[in-house]
């Protein structure tokens, strides 16, 4: 059924619902507001997407709903998970989609946007370690509740997660794409993202029955990024060019460079703050990325560990004495200050290098420039290039020089001969006496000048023309 505004549909209880404005449309279906159900929205599947399988999957979801009720705070409703509330059918009783709670999109943001400090500041999102620890703890708690019902996200990544900007609660969307446990049947997830895919599943996909291993790995990656300025745990500088440079390749090769025991083939990103994390956190990360898949911490373990740093009364995080905008783990140095110092040092070195190339002219450099991807890079400033020089004049060829050596003496001889004839004519026009002497004097000076020019050409210009070679 191709839904459109004004279409009438019916839920399991026979309630008549009217489709409102289209919110979005994806590969599997379209989401509509409901004119007579303000707190819900409808998702209608496109024709030919396997409605029979989706109907069974949604029935399983309704039978095993995770314990993630809406939270009401200050009169505002916070939907934690957009889980199906009822199946939807057309006038003929055919399955066409489902009804789910309406999430306040305007009050939420993608988790991806909080990872990079510059983007977070531009959008008014939190940048301190404290709020990010709260987000990490809330994500772990939400996943733990989902896992207790036997359901798994699989394609878990920051771009697929939203959070409420005021409360920092996590909201899970697109739940019909999760791996869902039914009665005697597992409904697999259809999507994965290579940058968040566990190493054992690269090349083969997520093996049925091992979905929780994948969720545990992806959760650890997201937590690492939240607590470490958006840095991906498999980013860094490899020992040689033969090692993978892309994140999926490094995950396959298990190139994790932030462990308690240094990795021999990859070094951490210079601005990483993993060294300012407590040992208990680093041990969990080592289990997630450096140990066997079976040893990865569960969502419940992460929730227990992170809740300590999320609670203000625990005093596990304290404000930085040097910069009030920073927080750090109690008893350890400030990772944000260390990161700022590295970036400032890189800025100064880049400015000096740029000044030498530009003739020691001062140059502005943007400090604290965050990476656009999990690989953090401190970029040197661009160097202004000088205007191109005009092409050099093309020298005369050897043949042209020989021609000049022959033609020029002949030309001088002709000029001299013409000068003598002209002097004779001039002499004949003047009376004898004084005029004759003047003419002879002019004639003598003329011939002397011609002789000097001929000698200069023969002794100086002609040898240079003959001997010089084209560069």
Protein backbone atom coordinates (compact mmCIF):
# COMPACT_ATOMS: atom_id res chain seq x y z
CA UNK A 1 0.00 0.00 0.00
CA UNK A 2 1.37 3.41 -0.96
CA UNK A 3 0.37 5.63 1.95
CA UNK A 4 -0.42 9.30 1.64
CA UNK A 5 -1.87 12.02 3.81
CA UNK A 6 -5.54 11.42 4.56
CA UNK A 7 -5.37 7.62 4.16
CA UNK A 8 -7.34 5.67 6.77
CA UNK A 9 -5.66 2.69 8.48
CA UNK A 10 -6.61 0.47 11.42
CA UNK A 11 -4.63 -0.91 14.37
CA UNK A 12 -4.97 -4.30 16.11
CA UNK A 13 -7.90 -3.11 18.23
CA UNK A 14 -9.77 -1.86 15.17
CA UNK A 15 -9.09 1.78 15.99
CA UNK A 16 -9.46 4.04 12.98
CA UNK A 17 -6.37 6.19 12.34
CA UNK A 18 -5.86 8.90 9.73
CA UNK A 19 -2.41 9.47 8.21
CA UNK A 20 -1.11 12.99 8.54
CA UNK A 21 1.97 14.67 7.11
CA UNK A 22 4.83 12.55 5.78
CA UNK A 23 7.86 12.80 8.11
CA UNK A 24 10.44 10.75 6.23
CA UNK A 25 10.76 7.96 3.73
CA UNK A 26 13.45 5.27 3.70
CA UNK A 27 14.34 2.07 1.92
CA UNK A 28 11.78 -0.09 3.73
CA UNK A 29 8.92 2.32 4.35
CA UNK A 30 7.59 5.80 5.12
CA UNK A 31 6.74 7.42 8.45
CA UNK A 32 3.62 9.59 8.86
CA UNK A 33 2.12 11.67 11.62
CA UNK A 34 -1.32 10.54 12.80
CA UNK A 35 -4.01 13.22 12.82
CA UNK A 36 -6.02 11.60 15.61
CA UNK A 37 -3.16 10.13 17.69
CA UNK A 38 -0.79 12.96 18.61
CA UNK A 39 1.60 10.81 20.64
CA UNK A 40 2.18 8.22 17.91
CA UNK A 41 3.37 7.91 14.33
CA UNK A 42 2.77 5.28 11.67
CA UNK A 43 5.33 3.46 9.57
CA UNK A 44 3.95 1.97 6.36
CA UNK A 45 6.11 -0.44 4.38
CA UNK A 46 6.71 -0.08 0.67
CA UNK A 47 5.22 -2.78 -1.58
CA UNK A 48 7.48 -5.76 -2.19
CA UNK A 49 9.67 -5.54 0.93
CA UNK A 50 8.68 -8.92 2.42
CA UNK A 51 5.55 -8.02 4.36
CA UNK A 52 5.02 -11.56 5.60
CA UNK A 53 8.40 -11.64 7.36
CA UNK A 54 7.94 -8.13 8.76
CA UNK A 55 4.54 -9.09 10.15
CA UNK A 56 6.00 -12.06 12.03
CA UNK A 57 8.94 -9.96 13.24
CA UNK A 58 6.68 -7.21 14.57
CA UNK A 59 4.46 -9.73 16.34
CA UNK A 60 7.61 -11.04 18.06
CA UNK A 61 8.57 -7.48 19.03
CA UNK A 62 5.14 -6.86 20.55
CA UNK A 63 5.44 -10.09 22.54
CA UNK A 64 8.94 -9.25 23.90
CA UNK A 65 9.00 -5.52 24.54
CA UNK A 66 12.14 -4.27 26.35
CA UNK A 67 11.72 -2.62 29.74
CA UNK A 68 12.40 0.92 28.57
CA UNK A 69 9.30 2.96 29.47
CA UNK A 70 8.92 6.61 28.57
CA UNK A 71 10.40 9.02 31.11
CA UNK A 72 8.41 12.05 32.21
CA UNK A 73 10.43 14.96 33.57
CA UNK A 74 9.18 18.51 34.11
CA UNK A 75 6.07 17.67 32.16
CA UNK A 76 8.07 16.50 29.13
CA UNK A 77 7.90 13.01 27.67
CA UNK A 78 11.17 11.32 26.79
CA UNK A 79 10.72 8.30 24.52
CA UNK A 80 13.67 5.97 25.14
CA UNK A 81 12.90 3.54 22.34
CA UNK A 82 10.58 3.75 19.34
CA UNK A 83 9.31 0.20 19.83
CA UNK A 84 6.17 -0.94 17.97
CA UNK A 85 2.88 -0.37 19.81
CA UNK A 86 0.47 -2.04 17.37
CA UNK A 87 0.27 -3.51 13.87
CA UNK A 88 -1.51 -1.51 11.18
CA UNK A 89 -3.82 -2.84 8.46
CA UNK A 90 -5.72 -1.40 5.52
CA UNK A 91 -9.52 -1.54 4.95
CA UNK A 92 -9.19 -5.10 3.61
CA UNK A 93 -7.37 -6.24 6.75
CA UNK A 94 -3.97 -6.64 5.08
CA UNK A 95 -0.84 -5.93 7.11
CA UNK A 96 0.81 -2.67 6.00
CA UNK A 97 2.97 -1.45 8.90
CA UNK A 98 2.93 -0.51 12.58
CA UNK A 99 2.29 2.28 15.05
CA UNK A 100 5.07 3.47 17.37
CA UNK A 101 5.60 6.30 19.89
CA UNK A 102 6.41 9.71 18.49
CA UNK A 103 9.90 10.93 19.32
CA UNK A 104 10.43 14.67 19.76
CA UNK A 105 13.08 15.06 17.07
CA UNK A 106 13.43 18.80 17.72
CA UNK A 107 14.53 18.11 21.33
CA UNK A 108 17.17 15.55 20.33
CA UNK A 109 20.46 15.44 18.42
CA UNK A 110 22.54 12.73 16.77
CA UNK A 111 25.20 11.31 19.07
CA UNK A 112 27.62 11.80 16.17
CA UNK A 113 27.43 15.58 16.66
CA UNK A 114 28.73 15.52 20.23
CA UNK A 115 31.92 13.62 19.37
CA UNK A 116 33.77 16.52 17.74
CA UNK A 117 34.26 19.56 19.97
CA UNK A 118 34.01 22.20 17.24
CA UNK A 119 30.74 20.82 15.90
CA UNK A 120 29.35 20.35 19.42
CA UNK A 121 30.12 23.95 20.36
CA UNK A 122 28.56 25.24 17.13
CA UNK A 123 25.32 23.40 17.95
CA UNK A 124 25.30 24.25 21.65
CA UNK A 125 25.93 20.63 22.68
CA UNK A 126 27.96 19.57 25.73
CA UNK A 127 31.72 19.22 25.29
CA UNK A 128 32.92 18.30 28.78
CA UNK A 129 33.88 14.84 29.98
CA UNK A 130 31.06 14.81 32.56
CA UNK A 131 28.10 15.01 30.11
CA UNK A 132 29.80 12.52 27.79
CA UNK A 133 30.20 10.06 30.66
CA UNK A 134 26.46 10.45 31.33
CA UNK A 135 25.68 9.76 27.66
CA UNK A 136 27.92 6.68 27.68
CA UNK A 137 26.29 5.34 30.86
CA UNK A 138 22.76 5.94 29.51
CA UNK A 139 23.62 4.16 26.27
CA UNK A 140 24.94 1.14 28.18
CA UNK A 141 21.84 1.02 30.40
CA UNK A 142 19.54 1.18 27.34
CA UNK A 143 21.40 -1.60 25.54
CA UNK A 144 21.44 -3.79 28.64
CA UNK A 145 17.62 -3.59 28.82
CA UNK A 146 17.36 -4.49 25.13
CA UNK A 147 19.76 -7.43 25.50
CA UNK A 148 17.79 -8.87 28.43
CA UNK A 149 14.96 -9.49 25.96
CA UNK A 150 17.28 -11.16 23.46
CA UNK A 151 17.23 -8.26 20.96
CA UNK A 152 20.34 -6.62 19.47
CA UNK A 153 20.96 -3.44 17.49
CA UNK A 154 23.86 -4.87 15.40
CA UNK A 155 24.28 -1.68 13.32
CA UNK A 156 25.17 0.30 16.44
CA UNK A 157 26.95 3.59 15.69
CA UNK A 158 26.69 7.24 16.77
CA UNK A 159 24.82 8.28 13.63
CA UNK A 160 21.99 5.84 14.48
CA UNK A 161 21.66 7.09 18.07
CA UNK A 162 19.92 10.20 19.34
CA UNK A 163 19.94 11.86 22.74
CA UNK A 164 17.83 14.47 24.50
CA UNK A 165 19.87 17.65 24.85
CA UNK A 166 18.42 18.59 28.27
CA UNK A 167 18.27 15.23 30.06
CA UNK A 168 20.99 13.36 28.07
CA UNK A 169 18.73 10.30 27.81
CA UNK A 170 19.40 8.06 24.81
CA UNK A 171 16.68 7.34 22.23
CA UNK A 172 16.77 4.26 19.98
CA UNK A 173 15.09 4.49 16.56
CA UNK A 174 14.44 2.18 13.58
CA UNK A 175 13.90 -0.77 15.89
CA UNK A 176 12.33 -2.95 13.20
CA UNK A 177 15.84 -3.17 11.73
CA UNK A 178 17.28 -4.78 14.90
CA UNK A 179 18.03 -8.46 15.33
CA UNK A 180 14.86 -9.65 17.12
CA UNK A 181 14.20 -12.84 19.04
CA UNK A 182 10.83 -14.44 18.28
CA UNK A 183 9.20 -17.63 19.43
CA UNK A 184 11.56 -20.23 18.05
CA UNK A 185 12.76 -17.84 15.34
CA UNK A 186 15.54 -15.26 15.09
CA UNK A 187 14.92 -12.31 12.78
CA UNK A 188 18.33 -11.00 11.67
CA UNK A 189 19.38 -7.39 11.29
CA UNK A 190 19.86 -6.23 7.74
CA UNK A 191 22.57 -3.58 8.12
CA UNK A 192 26.14 -3.31 9.46
CA UNK A 193 28.77 -0.54 9.37
CA UNK A 194 32.37 -1.63 8.80
CA UNK A 195 33.92 0.98 11.15
CA UNK A 196 31.93 -0.52 14.04
CA UNK A 197 32.00 -4.18 13.01
CA UNK A 198 33.83 -6.66 15.23
CA UNK A 199 36.98 -8.18 13.65
CA UNK A 200 35.61 -11.73 13.51
CA UNK A 201 32.70 -10.62 11.31
CA UNK A 202 34.65 -8.78 8.61
CA UNK A 203 34.25 -10.64 5.36
CA UNK A 204 31.55 -13.01 6.60
CA UNK A 205 28.95 -10.81 8.29
CA UNK A 206 27.46 -11.25 11.74
CA UNK A 207 27.00 -14.93 12.45
CA UNK A 208 23.52 -15.91 13.74
CA UNK A 209 23.61 -16.44 17.47
CA UNK A 210 26.61 -14.11 17.97
CA UNK A 211 24.81 -10.78 17.63
CA UNK A 212 25.56 -9.83 21.22
CA UNK A 213 29.31 -10.08 20.52
CA UNK A 214 28.83 -7.49 17.79
CA UNK A 215 26.81 -5.16 20.04
CA UNK A 216 29.44 -5.44 22.78
CA UNK A 217 32.20 -4.48 20.35
CA UNK A 218 30.29 -1.54 18.84
CA UNK A 219 29.26 -0.29 22.28
CA UNK A 220 32.92 -0.25 23.40
CA UNK A 221 33.89 1.74 20.28
CA UNK A 222 31.18 4.36 20.91
CA UNK A 223 32.12 4.65 24.61
CA UNK A 224 35.80 5.06 23.69
CA UNK A 225 34.90 7.85 21.26
CA UNK A 226 32.69 9.61 23.81
CA UNK A 227 35.39 9.59 26.48
CA UNK A 228 38.28 10.36 24.13
CA UNK A 229 37.34 13.35 21.96
CA UNK A 230 35.82 11.31 19.14
CA UNK A 231 39.00 9.29 18.48
CA UNK A 232 38.34 5.82 17.07
CA UNK A 233 40.17 3.07 19.00
CA UNK A 234 41.74 1.74 15.80
CA UNK A 235 43.10 5.07 14.59
CA UNK A 236 46.76 6.00 14.99
CA UNK A 237 50.12 5.86 13.20
CA UNK A 238 51.21 2.48 11.90
CA UNK A 239 54.82 1.28 12.03
CA UNK A 240 55.16 0.83 8.24
CA UNK A 241 53.27 1.39 5.01
CA UNK A 242 52.42 -2.29 4.59
CA UNK A 243 49.91 -2.17 7.45
CA UNK A 244 46.28 -1.16 6.75
CA UNK A 245 45.45 2.54 6.71
CA UNK A 246 41.64 2.21 6.72
CA UNK A 247 39.65 1.55 9.89
CA UNK A 248 38.00 -1.71 8.71
CA UNK A 249 41.43 -3.07 7.72
CA UNK A 250 42.90 -2.14 11.10
CA UNK A 251 39.97 -3.74 12.92
CA UNK A 252 40.54 -6.97 10.97
CA UNK A 253 44.24 -6.83 11.84
CA UNK A 254 43.40 -5.99 15.51
CA UNK A 255 45.61 -2.89 15.46
CA UNK A 256 44.49 -1.40 18.77
CA UNK A 257 47.11 1.07 19.96
CA UNK A 258 45.61 2.37 23.23
CA UNK A 259 46.05 -0.62 25.51
CA UNK A 260 47.77 -0.83 28.88
CA UNK A 261 50.42 -2.83 27.03
CA UNK A 262 51.67 -0.84 23.99
CA UNK A 263 51.11 -2.35 20.55
CA UNK A 264 54.23 -2.84 18.46
CA UNK A 265 52.67 -1.98 15.09
CA UNK A 266 50.61 1.14 15.80
CA UNK A 267 51.04 4.24 17.94
CA UNK A 268 48.16 6.24 19.46
CA UNK A 269 46.97 9.55 18.08
CA UNK A 270 49.05 12.28 19.73
CA UNK A 271 46.03 14.09 21.22
CA UNK A 272 44.47 10.97 22.74
CA UNK A 273 43.51 11.20 26.41
CA UNK A 274 43.56 7.45 27.12
CA UNK A 275 46.59 7.93 29.34
CA UNK A 276 44.48 10.09 31.67
CA UNK A 277 41.80 7.37 32.13
CA UNK A 278 41.58 5.21 35.26
CA UNK A 279 42.91 1.66 35.08
CA UNK A 280 39.47 0.08 35.52
CA UNK A 281 38.21 1.78 32.34
CA UNK A 282 41.32 0.93 30.35
CA UNK A 283 41.03 -2.70 31.41
CA UNK A 284 37.49 -2.84 30.00
CA UNK A 285 38.71 -1.32 26.72
CA UNK A 286 41.55 -3.86 26.56
CA UNK A 287 39.05 -6.68 27.02
CA UNK A 288 36.88 -5.24 24.26
CA UNK A 289 39.63 -4.64 21.69
CA UNK A 290 42.71 -6.68 22.60
CA UNK A 291 41.22 -9.84 24.07
CA UNK A 292 39.10 -12.70 22.69
CA UNK A 293 35.54 -11.96 21.62
CA UNK A 294 34.14 -13.94 24.55
CA UNK A 295 35.83 -11.61 27.06
CA UNK A 296 34.23 -8.39 25.82
CA UNK A 297 32.41 -6.51 28.58
CA UNK A 298 28.63 -6.74 28.45
CA UNK A 299 26.38 -3.71 28.32
CA UNK A 300 25.60 -4.35 32.00
CA UNK A 301 29.30 -4.24 32.92
CA UNK A 302 29.73 -0.97 31.07
CA UNK A 303 26.63 0.46 32.77
CA UNK A 304 27.99 -0.44 36.22
CA UNK A 305 31.42 1.09 35.51
CA UNK A 306 30.20 4.22 33.76
CA UNK A 307 27.46 5.04 36.26
CA UNK A 308 30.21 5.88 38.77
CA UNK A 309 31.47 8.68 36.53
CA UNK A 310 27.95 9.76 35.56
CA UNK A 311 26.87 10.48 39.15
CA UNK A 312 27.92 13.82 40.59
CA UNK A 313 27.82 12.54 44.16
CA UNK A 314 30.49 9.93 43.40
CA UNK A 315 33.09 12.68 42.81
CA UNK A 316 34.82 10.37 40.36
CA UNK A 317 35.10 13.36 38.02
CA UNK A 318 36.30 16.79 39.15
CA UNK A 319 36.55 20.21 37.55
CA UNK A 320 39.93 21.19 36.16
CA UNK A 321 41.76 23.79 38.25
CA UNK A 322 43.33 25.39 35.15
CA UNK A 323 40.26 25.55 32.89
CA UNK A 324 36.75 25.52 34.36
CA UNK A 325 35.35 24.12 31.11
CA UNK A 326 37.31 20.88 31.58
CA UNK A 327 36.65 17.89 33.80
CA UNK A 328 39.00 15.01 34.48
CA UNK A 329 39.08 11.73 36.39
CA UNK A 330 39.83 12.20 40.07
CA UNK A 331 43.49 11.67 40.91
CA UNK A 332 44.62 11.91 37.28
CA UNK A 333 45.76 14.83 35.15
CA UNK A 334 43.39 16.66 32.81
CA UNK A 335 43.19 15.00 29.42
CA UNK A 336 41.56 18.06 27.85
CA UNK A 337 44.47 20.26 28.96
CA UNK A 338 46.98 17.74 27.62
CA UNK A 339 45.14 17.68 24.29
CA UNK A 340 45.09 21.49 24.13
CA UNK A 341 48.85 21.61 24.85
CA UNK A 342 49.61 19.17 22.03
CA UNK A 343 47.48 21.14 19.59
CA UNK A 344 49.07 24.43 20.65
CA UNK A 345 52.56 23.00 20.21
CA UNK A 346 51.61 21.71 16.76
CA UNK A 347 50.19 25.14 15.89
CA UNK A 348 53.41 26.87 16.87
CA UNK A 349 55.58 24.43 14.92
CA UNK A 350 53.34 24.79 11.88
CA UNK A 351 53.49 28.59 12.17
CA UNK A 352 57.29 28.53 12.36
CA UNK A 353 57.53 26.24 9.36
CA UNK A 354 55.08 28.39 7.43
CA UNK A 355 56.99 31.55 8.41
CA UNK A 356 60.26 30.19 7.01
CA UNK A 357 58.63 29.25 3.74
CA UNK A 358 56.97 32.65 3.48
CA UNK A 359 60.07 34.70 4.29
CA UNK A 360 59.38 34.86 8.05
CA UNK A 361 56.08 36.64 7.62
CA UNK A 362 53.60 36.12 10.48
CA UNK A 363 50.78 33.71 9.75
CA UNK A 364 47.56 32.84 11.55
CA UNK A 365 46.88 29.22 12.44
CA UNK A 366 43.62 27.81 13.77
CA UNK A 367 44.29 25.94 16.99
CA UNK A 368 42.17 23.16 18.45
CA UNK A 369 40.95 22.11 15.04
CA UNK A 370 39.17 18.79 15.59
CA UNK A 371 39.38 15.95 13.15
CA UNK A 372 36.57 15.44 10.67
CA UNK A 373 36.86 11.73 11.17
CA UNK A 374 38.00 9.47 13.96
CA UNK A 375 41.57 9.86 12.70
CA UNK A 376 42.71 13.07 14.41
CA UNK A 377 45.07 15.11 12.21
CA UNK A 378 46.76 18.40 13.03
CA UNK A 379 47.09 20.09 9.65
CA UNK A 380 49.88 22.49 8.76
CA UNK A 381 48.82 25.83 7.29
CA UNK A 382 48.76 26.28 3.55
CA UNK A 383 51.76 27.94 1.95
CA UNK A 384 51.20 30.81 -0.47
CA UNK A 385 52.83 30.21 -3.85
CA UNK A 386 54.67 32.97 -5.79
CA UNK A 387 53.45 34.15 -9.20
CA UNK A 388 55.04 32.14 -12.03
CA UNK A 389 58.15 33.76 -13.62
CA UNK A 390 57.99 34.72 -17.31
CA UNK A 391 59.59 32.15 -19.64
CA UNK A 392 63.24 32.88 -20.60
CA UNK A 393 63.96 34.36 -24.03
CA UNK A 394 64.78 31.72 -26.56
CA UNK A 395 68.45 32.06 -27.74
CA UNK A 396 69.43 32.21 -31.41
CA UNK A 397 70.15 28.93 -33.10
CA UNK A 398 73.58 28.08 -34.58
CA UNK A 399 72.33 28.55 -38.15
CA UNK A 400 71.06 32.04 -37.35
CA UNK A 401 74.45 32.96 -35.92
CA UNK A 402 76.30 31.85 -39.10
CA UNK A 403 73.86 33.87 -41.18
CA UNK A 404 74.51 36.98 -39.11
CA UNK A 405 78.27 36.44 -39.36
CA UNK A 406 77.99 36.54 -43.17
CA UNK A 407 75.26 39.14 -43.65
CA UNK A 408 76.44 41.79 -41.21
CA UNK A 409 79.92 42.39 -42.81
CA UNK A 410 78.27 42.56 -46.22
CA UNK A 411 75.77 45.03 -44.86
CA UNK A 412 78.55 47.16 -43.39
CA UNK A 413 80.39 47.09 -46.69
CA UNK A 414 77.29 48.19 -48.54
CA UNK A 415 76.71 51.01 -46.08
CA UNK A 416 80.37 52.10 -46.47
CA UNK A 417 80.14 52.03 -50.28
CA UNK A 418 76.86 53.93 -50.17
CA UNK A 419 78.51 56.48 -47.87
CA UNK A 420 81.40 57.09 -50.31
CA UNK A 421 79.03 57.61 -53.23
CA UNK A 422 76.90 59.95 -51.17
CA UNK A 423 80.00 61.95 -50.20
CA UNK A 424 81.02 62.33 -53.88
CA UNK A 425 77.58 63.60 -54.79
CA UNK A 426 77.63 65.99 -51.87
CA UNK A 427 81.10 67.22 -52.92
CA UNK A 428 80.00 67.94 -56.47
CA UNK A 429 77.23 70.16 -55.26
CA UNK A 430 79.53 72.46 -53.28
CA UNK A 431 82.01 75.06 -54.58
CA UNK A 432 85.72 74.28 -54.41
CA UNK A 433 87.68 75.52 -51.49
CA UNK A 434 86.20 75.42 -48.02
CA UNK A 435 83.39 73.09 -49.02
CA UNK A 436 85.83 70.53 -50.43
CA UNK A 437 87.77 70.40 -47.16
CA UNK A 438 84.59 70.02 -45.13
CA UNK A 439 83.36 67.18 -47.31
CA UNK A 440 86.70 65.39 -47.09
CA UNK A 441 86.63 65.76 -43.31
CA UNK A 442 83.11 64.33 -43.05
CA UNK A 443 84.08 61.52 -45.41
CA UNK A 444 87.12 60.66 -43.30
CA UNK A 445 85.05 60.63 -40.06
CA UNK A 446 82.42 58.47 -41.67
CA UNK A 447 84.90 55.89 -42.91
CA UNK A 448 86.62 55.84 -39.52
CA UNK A 449 83.28 55.11 -37.82
CA UNK A 450 82.50 52.32 -40.26
CA UNK A 451 85.96 50.84 -39.72
CA UNK A 452 85.55 50.88 -35.92
CA UNK A 453 82.17 49.19 -36.12
CA UNK A 454 83.51 46.51 -38.45
CA UNK A 455 86.47 45.85 -36.13
CA UNK A 456 84.15 45.61 -33.08
CA UNK A 457 81.92 43.14 -34.88
CA UNK A 458 84.82 41.04 -36.20
CA UNK A 459 86.78 40.91 -32.94
CA UNK A 460 83.96 40.78 -30.31
CA UNK A 461 80.46 39.92 -31.53
CA UNK A 462 81.35 37.38 -34.21
CA UNK A 463 83.41 35.07 -31.86
CA UNK A 464 80.67 35.21 -29.21
CA UNK A 465 77.97 34.28 -31.72
CA UNK A 466 80.01 31.39 -33.09
CA UNK A 467 81.24 29.95 -29.78
CA UNK A 468 78.21 30.36 -27.50
CA UNK A 469 75.92 27.33 -27.14
CA UNK A 470 72.17 27.05 -26.49
CA UNK A 471 71.47 26.38 -22.78
